[in-house]
Amino acid sequence: MLKKIVPLMCLLLFAGCETTTVDYLTVASYPEEVLLKFGDGTTCTTPCPLYVQENLTMTVAKAGYIAQEWTLLEGQTGFLQIELELAAPTSEVEETALPDI
């Protein structure tokens, strides 16, 4: 609501006043605090607001989880939720690994 009021007040009170907004992409993740590493070497930890000025490739990684590669498109805005898969050992147990009873 305030976003709609401010430009109207500008128009009425300050003729010629201009407002600009920058649209960001917010990258969030499950689990939280995941590392985002971009092609140019810069990094960010989720949640991470980005202004995507060009196509970007990013690696999404956290210890104990399977890393993922994502491509962000120039001008992409909004909210991106990334879910990482836990890198857990299989539930199968080899018979030779069991202790003798």
N, C-alpha and C. Protein backbone atom coordinates (compact mmCIF):
# COMPACT_ATOMS: atom_id res chain seq x y z
N MET A 1 0.82 -1.19 0.00
CA MET A 1 0.00 0.00 0.00
C MET A 1 0.86 1.25 0.00
N LEU A 2 1.91 1.30 0.82
CA LEU A 2 2.78 2.45 0.90
C LEU A 2 3.45 2.72 -0.45
N LYS A 3 3.78 1.66 -1.18
CA LYS A 3 4.42 1.79 -2.48
C LYS A 3 3.53 2.58 -3.44
N LYS A 4 2.21 2.44 -3.32
CA LYS A 4 1.27 3.15 -4.17
C LYS A 4 1.10 4.59 -3.70
N ILE A 5 1.22 4.83 -2.40
CA ILE A 5 1.01 6.16 -1.84
C ILE A 5 2.18 7.08 -2.14
N VAL A 6 3.40 6.59 -2.01
CA VAL A 6 4.58 7.44 -2.17
C VAL A 6 4.62 8.11 -3.54
N PRO A 7 4.45 7.40 -4.67
CA PRO A 7 4.47 8.09 -5.96
C PRO A 7 3.35 9.12 -6.09
N LEU A 8 2.18 8.86 -5.54
CA LEU A 8 1.08 9.80 -5.60
C LEU A 8 1.42 11.07 -4.83
N MET A 9 2.01 10.93 -3.64
CA MET A 9 2.43 12.08 -2.86
C MET A 9 3.48 12.89 -3.61
N CYS A 10 4.40 12.20 -4.28
CA CYS A 10 5.42 12.88 -5.07
C CYS A 10 4.76 13.73 -6.14
N LEU A 11 3.79 13.15 -6.81
CA LEU A 11 3.11 13.84 -7.89
C LEU A 11 2.38 15.08 -7.36
N LEU A 12 1.72 14.96 -6.23
CA LEU A 12 0.95 16.07 -5.69
C LEU A 12 1.81 17.14 -5.02
N LEU A 13 2.82 16.72 -4.28
CA LEU A 13 3.61 17.66 -3.48
C LEU A 13 4.87 18.16 -4.17
N PHE A 14 5.50 17.32 -4.92
CA PHE A 14 6.78 17.67 -5.52
C PHE A 14 6.73 17.42 -7.02
N ALA A 15 6.17 18.30 -7.76
CA ALA A 15 6.02 18.12 -9.21
C ALA A 15 7.38 17.78 -9.81
N GLY A 16 7.40 16.74 -10.61
CA GLY A 16 8.63 16.33 -11.27
C GLY A 16 9.45 15.33 -10.47
N CYS A 17 9.06 14.96 -9.27
CA CYS A 17 9.82 13.98 -8.50
C CYS A 17 9.63 12.61 -9.12
N GLU A 18 10.66 11.81 -9.09
CA GLU A 18 10.64 10.50 -9.76
C GLU A 18 11.01 9.40 -8.77
N THR A 19 10.38 8.26 -8.89
CA THR A 19 10.76 7.12 -8.08
C THR A 19 11.23 6.00 -8.99
N THR A 20 12.22 5.28 -8.54
CA THR A 20 12.70 4.13 -9.32
C THR A 20 12.74 2.93 -8.41
N THR A 21 12.49 1.78 -8.97
CA THR A 21 12.59 0.54 -8.21
C THR A 21 13.50 -0.40 -8.97
N VAL A 22 14.25 -1.17 -8.25
CA VAL A 22 15.11 -2.18 -8.84
C VAL A 22 14.53 -3.53 -8.46
N ASP A 23 14.29 -4.35 -9.45
CA ASP A 23 13.74 -5.67 -9.17
C ASP A 23 14.87 -6.65 -8.96
N TYR A 24 14.83 -7.34 -7.85
CA TYR A 24 15.86 -8.31 -7.50
C TYR A 24 15.31 -9.72 -7.58
N LEU A 25 16.23 -10.64 -7.66
CA LEU A 25 15.92 -12.06 -7.53
C LEU A 25 16.45 -12.47 -6.16
N THR A 26 15.60 -13.03 -5.35
CA THR A 26 16.05 -13.54 -4.06
C THR A 26 16.19 -15.05 -4.18
N VAL A 27 17.39 -15.54 -3.91
CA VAL A 27 17.64 -16.98 -3.94
C VAL A 27 17.63 -17.47 -2.50
N ALA A 28 16.72 -18.38 -2.20
CA ALA A 28 16.61 -18.99 -0.88
C ALA A 28 16.86 -20.49 -1.04
N SER A 29 17.05 -21.17 0.08
CA SER A 29 17.37 -22.60 -0.03
C SER A 29 16.89 -23.38 1.18
N TYR A 30 16.76 -24.67 0.94
CA TYR A 30 16.59 -25.63 2.02
C TYR A 30 17.67 -26.69 1.81
N PRO A 31 18.56 -26.84 2.75
CA PRO A 31 18.67 -26.14 4.02
C PRO A 31 19.09 -24.68 3.81
N GLU A 32 19.01 -23.89 4.88
CA GLU A 32 19.42 -22.49 4.82
C GLU A 32 20.94 -22.38 4.82
N GLU A 33 21.41 -21.18 4.55
CA GLU A 33 22.84 -20.86 4.57
C GLU A 33 23.65 -21.74 3.63
N VAL A 34 23.16 -21.87 2.41
CA VAL A 34 23.84 -22.62 1.36
C VAL A 34 24.75 -21.64 0.61
N LEU A 35 25.90 -22.10 0.18
CA LEU A 35 26.85 -21.26 -0.55
C LEU A 35 26.48 -21.21 -2.03
N LEU A 36 26.40 -20.00 -2.57
CA LEU A 36 26.23 -19.80 -4.01
C LEU A 36 27.56 -19.29 -4.53
N LYS A 37 28.11 -19.97 -5.54
CA LYS A 37 29.37 -19.53 -6.13
C LYS A 37 29.13 -19.29 -7.61
N PHE A 38 29.45 -18.08 -8.06
CA PHE A 38 29.19 -17.68 -9.43
C PHE A 38 30.42 -17.88 -10.31
N GLY A 39 30.20 -17.89 -11.62
CA GLY A 39 31.27 -18.14 -12.58
C GLY A 39 32.46 -17.21 -12.45
N ASP A 40 32.24 -15.98 -11.97
CA ASP A 40 33.35 -15.03 -11.82
C ASP A 40 34.08 -15.18 -10.49
N GLY A 41 33.66 -16.16 -9.67
CA GLY A 41 34.33 -16.43 -8.40
C GLY A 41 33.68 -15.78 -7.20
N THR A 42 32.72 -14.88 -7.40
CA THR A 42 32.06 -14.26 -6.25
C THR A 42 31.14 -15.27 -5.58
N THR A 43 30.88 -15.04 -4.31
CA THR A 43 30.05 -15.96 -3.53
C THR A 43 29.00 -15.19 -2.74
N CYS A 44 27.99 -15.91 -2.31
CA CYS A 44 26.91 -15.36 -1.50
C CYS A 44 26.31 -16.53 -0.72
N THR A 45 25.74 -16.25 0.44
CA THR A 45 25.09 -17.28 1.24
C THR A 45 23.59 -17.00 1.26
N THR A 46 22.79 -18.06 1.09
CA THR A 46 21.34 -17.88 1.07
C THR A 46 20.83 -17.53 2.46
N PRO A 47 19.77 -16.73 2.51
CA PRO A 47 19.07 -16.10 1.40
C PRO A 47 19.92 -14.99 0.79
N CYS A 48 19.90 -14.88 -0.53
CA CYS A 48 20.80 -13.96 -1.23
C CYS A 48 20.02 -13.14 -2.26
N PRO A 49 19.94 -11.81 -2.08
CA PRO A 49 19.28 -10.97 -3.08
C PRO A 49 20.27 -10.66 -4.21
N LEU A 50 19.83 -10.81 -5.45
CA LEU A 50 20.71 -10.59 -6.60
C LEU A 50 20.03 -9.68 -7.61
N TYR A 51 20.82 -8.84 -8.25
CA TYR A 51 20.37 -8.08 -9.40
C TYR A 51 21.06 -8.73 -10.59
N VAL A 52 20.31 -9.48 -11.39
CA VAL A 52 20.90 -10.29 -12.47
C VAL A 52 21.01 -9.44 -13.73
N GLN A 53 22.22 -8.91 -13.97
CA GLN A 53 22.47 -8.01 -15.10
C GLN A 53 22.84 -8.76 -16.37
N GLU A 54 23.21 -10.01 -16.24
CA GLU A 54 23.57 -10.85 -17.39
C GLU A 54 23.33 -12.30 -17.01
N ASN A 55 23.32 -13.20 -17.98
CA ASN A 55 23.16 -14.62 -17.66
C ASN A 55 24.30 -15.06 -16.76
N LEU A 56 23.96 -15.78 -15.71
CA LEU A 56 24.96 -16.24 -14.73
C LEU A 56 24.83 -17.73 -14.49
N THR A 57 25.95 -18.37 -14.31
CA THR A 57 25.96 -19.77 -13.89
C THR A 57 26.41 -19.78 -12.44
N MET A 58 25.72 -20.54 -11.61
CA MET A 58 26.12 -20.62 -10.21
C MET A 58 26.10 -22.06 -9.73
N THR A 59 27.00 -22.35 -8.83
CA THR A 59 27.05 -23.64 -8.15
C THR A 59 26.44 -23.43 -6.77
N VAL A 60 25.55 -24.33 -6.40
CA VAL A 60 24.87 -24.27 -5.12
C VAL A 60 25.38 -25.46 -4.30
N ALA A 61 25.99 -25.18 -3.14
CA ALA A 61 26.63 -26.28 -2.41
C ALA A 61 26.60 -26.05 -0.90
N LYS A 62 26.56 -27.17 -0.19
CA LYS A 62 26.68 -27.18 1.28
C LYS A 62 27.22 -28.53 1.68
N ALA A 63 28.08 -28.55 2.67
CA ALA A 63 28.67 -29.80 3.14
C ALA A 63 27.57 -30.78 3.53
N GLY A 64 27.68 -32.02 3.05
CA GLY A 64 26.72 -33.06 3.37
C GLY A 64 25.57 -33.16 2.37
N TYR A 65 25.58 -32.27 1.35
CA TYR A 65 24.52 -32.24 0.35
C TYR A 65 25.12 -32.33 -1.05
N ILE A 66 24.33 -32.79 -2.00
CA ILE A 66 24.79 -32.90 -3.39
C ILE A 66 24.71 -31.51 -4.03
N ALA A 67 25.84 -31.05 -4.58
CA ALA A 67 25.90 -29.73 -5.22
C ALA A 67 25.07 -29.72 -6.49
N GLN A 68 24.59 -28.53 -6.86
CA GLN A 68 23.79 -28.35 -8.07
C GLN A 68 24.33 -27.17 -8.87
N GLU A 69 24.12 -27.21 -10.19
CA GLU A 69 24.46 -26.10 -11.07
C GLU A 69 23.15 -25.45 -11.53
N TRP A 70 23.09 -24.13 -11.51
CA TRP A 70 21.91 -23.39 -11.95
C TRP A 70 22.34 -22.28 -12.89
N THR A 71 21.48 -21.92 -13.82
CA THR A 71 21.71 -20.78 -14.70
C THR A 71 20.62 -19.75 -14.43
N LEU A 72 21.05 -18.53 -14.12
CA LEU A 72 20.12 -17.43 -13.93
C LEU A 72 20.13 -16.60 -15.20
N LEU A 73 18.96 -16.14 -15.62
CA LEU A 73 18.84 -15.39 -16.87
C LEU A 73 18.83 -13.89 -16.62
N GLU A 74 19.42 -13.16 -17.53
CA GLU A 74 19.47 -11.71 -17.44
C GLU A 74 18.07 -11.14 -17.17
N GLY A 75 17.98 -10.28 -16.16
CA GLY A 75 16.71 -9.65 -15.83
C GLY A 75 15.78 -10.51 -14.98
N GLN A 76 16.22 -11.72 -14.61
CA GLN A 76 15.37 -12.60 -13.82
C GLN A 76 15.09 -11.96 -12.46
N THR A 77 13.82 -11.96 -12.06
CA THR A 77 13.42 -11.37 -10.79
C THR A 77 12.51 -12.32 -10.03
N GLY A 78 12.18 -11.95 -8.82
CA GLY A 78 11.24 -12.75 -8.03
C GLY A 78 11.94 -13.54 -6.93
N PHE A 79 11.52 -14.77 -6.80
CA PHE A 79 11.98 -15.63 -5.70
C PHE A 79 12.31 -17.01 -6.25
N LEU A 80 13.50 -17.50 -5.96
CA LEU A 80 13.93 -18.83 -6.38
C LEU A 80 14.25 -19.65 -5.14
N GLN A 81 13.52 -20.72 -4.93
CA GLN A 81 13.74 -21.62 -3.79
C GLN A 81 14.45 -22.87 -4.30
N ILE A 82 15.63 -23.14 -3.77
CA ILE A 82 16.41 -24.30 -4.17
C ILE A 82 16.45 -25.29 -3.02
N GLU A 83 16.18 -26.55 -3.33
CA GLU A 83 16.24 -27.59 -2.30
C GLU A 83 17.36 -28.56 -2.66
N LEU A 84 18.32 -28.70 -1.75
CA LEU A 84 19.43 -29.62 -1.97
C LEU A 84 19.10 -31.00 -1.43
N GLU A 85 19.64 -31.99 -2.11
CA GLU A 85 19.42 -33.38 -1.70
C GLU A 85 20.55 -33.82 -0.77
N LEU A 86 20.16 -34.43 0.32
CA LEU A 86 21.13 -34.92 1.29
C LEU A 86 21.97 -36.02 0.67
N ALA A 87 23.28 -35.92 0.83
CA ALA A 87 24.19 -36.93 0.30
C ALA A 87 24.46 -37.95 1.41
N ALA A 88 23.51 -38.86 1.61
CA ALA A 88 23.61 -39.84 2.68
C ALA A 88 23.99 -41.19 2.11
N PRO A 89 24.66 -42.02 2.91
CA PRO A 89 24.96 -43.37 2.44
C PRO A 89 23.66 -44.15 2.23
N THR A 90 23.73 -45.18 1.44
CA THR A 90 22.54 -46.00 1.19
C THR A 90 22.13 -46.72 2.47
N SER A 91 20.90 -47.14 2.49
CA SER A 91 20.40 -47.85 3.67
C SER A 91 20.76 -49.33 3.63
N GLU A 92 21.33 -49.77 2.50
CA GLU A 92 21.72 -51.18 2.38
C GLU A 92 23.02 -51.42 3.15
N VAL A 93 23.07 -52.52 3.86
CA VAL A 93 24.26 -52.87 4.63
C VAL A 93 24.80 -54.17 4.09
N GLU A 94 26.09 -54.21 3.81
CA GLU A 94 26.68 -55.45 3.33
C GLU A 94 26.77 -56.44 4.49
N GLU A 95 26.51 -57.68 4.17
CA GLU A 95 26.52 -58.72 5.18
C GLU A 95 27.87 -58.83 5.86
N THR A 96 28.94 -58.60 5.13
CA THR A 96 30.29 -58.72 5.70
C THR A 96 30.58 -57.60 6.69
N ALA A 97 29.82 -56.51 6.65
CA ALA A 97 30.05 -55.40 7.55
C ALA A 97 29.37 -55.60 8.90
N LEU A 98 28.50 -56.62 9.02
CA LEU A 98 27.79 -56.86 10.27
C LEU A 98 28.69 -57.64 11.23
N PRO A 99 28.62 -57.31 12.53
CA PRO A 99 29.43 -58.05 13.51
C PRO A 99 28.86 -59.45 13.74
N ASP A 100 29.74 -60.37 14.14
CA ASP A 100 29.29 -61.72 14.47
C ASP A 100 28.57 -61.65 15.81
N ILE A 101 27.48 -62.43 15.90
CA ILE A 101 26.70 -62.47 17.14
C ILE A 101 26.86 -63.82 17.78
